């Protein structure tokens, strides 16, 4: 699915992927890696989009929950590059 996702703000493609937790599944004898928790990052507009329980949360700024996004950044701060933690849009740590 990552090969079709683009930033909803500026339509930049491809997005950078940071995996925090994932699992390998064997579906129909084809091994796949499913990302459970992670982050997508647009290098063009510097926005981040959390992946929570296998679902990329790619909402425009006005529909995002600031507190949930900050909790996500805080929880995974050891796995997120410093430039994203301190400079990403729409908010950062």
Protein backbone atom coordinates (compact mmCIF):
# COMPACT_ATOMS: atom_id res chain seq x y z
CA UNK A 1 0.00 0.00 0.00
CA UNK A 2 2.92 2.36 0.61
CA UNK A 3 3.60 2.63 -3.10
CA UNK A 4 0.29 4.49 -3.62
CA UNK A 5 0.31 6.87 -0.63
CA UNK A 6 1.08 10.55 -1.18
CA UNK A 7 1.00 13.49 1.20
CA UNK A 8 -2.59 14.80 1.38
CA UNK A 9 -1.33 18.38 1.77
CA UNK A 10 1.10 18.78 -1.12
CA UNK A 11 0.68 15.44 -2.95
CA UNK A 12 4.41 14.66 -2.59
CA UNK A 13 5.34 11.06 -3.34
CA UNK A 14 6.93 8.90 -2.01
CA UNK A 15 6.68 9.35 1.73
CA UNK A 16 9.46 8.19 4.05
CA UNK A 17 8.52 5.25 6.26
CA UNK A 18 9.71 4.64 9.79
CA UNK A 19 8.65 1.29 11.25
CA UNK A 20 8.32 0.90 15.01
CA UNK A 21 6.54 -2.46 15.24
CA UNK A 22 5.64 -4.90 12.51
CA UNK A 23 4.71 -8.51 11.96
CA UNK A 24 5.28 -11.01 9.20
CA UNK A 25 2.22 -12.85 8.01
CA UNK A 26 1.88 -15.71 5.60
CA UNK A 27 -1.26 -15.12 3.61
CA UNK A 28 -2.00 -17.43 0.72
CA UNK A 29 1.60 -18.69 0.84
CA UNK A 30 2.95 -15.18 0.24
CA UNK A 31 4.90 -13.65 3.09
CA UNK A 32 4.04 -10.03 3.82
CA UNK A 33 5.24 -7.57 6.39
CA UNK A 34 2.48 -5.64 8.11
CA UNK A 35 3.43 -2.40 9.86
CA UNK A 36 1.53 -2.15 13.10
CA UNK A 37 3.00 1.10 14.44
CA UNK A 38 5.10 3.58 12.51
CA UNK A 39 5.29 6.98 10.93
CA UNK A 40 5.09 8.38 7.41
CA UNK A 41 6.98 11.59 6.70
CA UNK A 42 6.73 14.05 3.81
CA UNK A 43 10.16 15.56 3.16
CA UNK A 44 8.56 18.30 1.05
CA UNK A 45 6.20 19.91 3.61
CA UNK A 46 7.76 18.24 6.72
CA UNK A 47 4.48 16.77 7.92
CA UNK A 48 4.33 13.47 9.75
CA UNK A 49 1.50 10.97 9.72
CA UNK A 50 1.28 8.28 12.40
CA UNK A 51 0.56 4.66 11.56
CA UNK A 52 -1.54 3.27 14.40
CA UNK A 53 -2.65 -0.35 14.48
CA UNK A 54 -1.84 -0.77 10.78
CA UNK A 55 -3.78 2.35 9.70
CA UNK A 56 -2.02 5.47 8.36
CA UNK A 57 -3.72 8.53 9.88
CA UNK A 58 -3.38 11.01 7.02
CA UNK A 59 -5.70 13.86 7.92
CA UNK A 60 -5.36 17.55 7.03
CA UNK A 61 -4.07 19.75 9.87
CA UNK A 62 -7.48 21.11 10.87
CA UNK A 63 -8.85 17.58 11.48
CA UNK A 64 -5.88 16.28 13.46
CA UNK A 65 -5.95 15.81 17.22
CA UNK A 66 -2.96 17.75 18.57
CA UNK A 67 -2.86 15.94 21.92
CA UNK A 68 -2.96 12.48 20.32
CA UNK A 69 -0.24 13.40 17.83
CA UNK A 70 2.00 14.78 20.61
CA UNK A 71 1.39 11.64 22.71
CA UNK A 72 2.39 9.54 19.69
CA UNK A 73 5.61 11.54 19.21
CA UNK A 74 6.41 11.27 22.91
CA UNK A 75 5.75 7.52 23.04
CA UNK A 76 7.98 6.75 20.04
CA UNK A 77 10.59 9.50 20.51
CA UNK A 78 13.40 6.95 20.71
CA UNK A 79 12.52 5.64 17.22
CA UNK A 80 11.79 8.95 15.47
CA UNK A 81 14.65 10.94 13.90
CA UNK A 82 15.48 14.15 15.80
CA UNK A 83 14.70 16.43 12.85
CA UNK A 84 11.13 15.09 12.75
CA UNK A 85 10.67 15.29 16.54
CA UNK A 86 11.78 18.92 16.67
CA UNK A 87 10.75 20.37 13.29
CA UNK A 88 7.82 18.41 11.85
CA UNK A 89 4.51 20.00 10.98
CA UNK A 90 1.84 20.61 12.10
CA UNK A 91 3.42 20.32 15.59
CA UNK A 92 6.48 18.84 17.19
CA UNK A 93 8.12 18.26 20.58
